[in-house]
Amino acid sequence: DELMTSLPDKQRQVMHLRDIEGYSYNEISEILELDMNQVKVNLFRARNAVREKLLKLNAYGL
């Protein structure tokens, strides 16, 4: 949860709707009033940010 709270709002919302709630890209696009590319870009960036933070935690034990 702490990993996601540090994300920008749009990235956090998109990641939550897709990965936790299971919404489709189309549904997320409608809910957040974003075009499909914005949904995909925000999800990509959010997942990368979380992945990087997890790698740092595993590498350094922080």
Foldseek 3Di string as FASTA:
>chain_A
DVLLVPDPPLLSQLCCCCVPVNDDLVVSCVVVVHDSVVSVVSPVVSVVSSVVVVVCCVVPVD
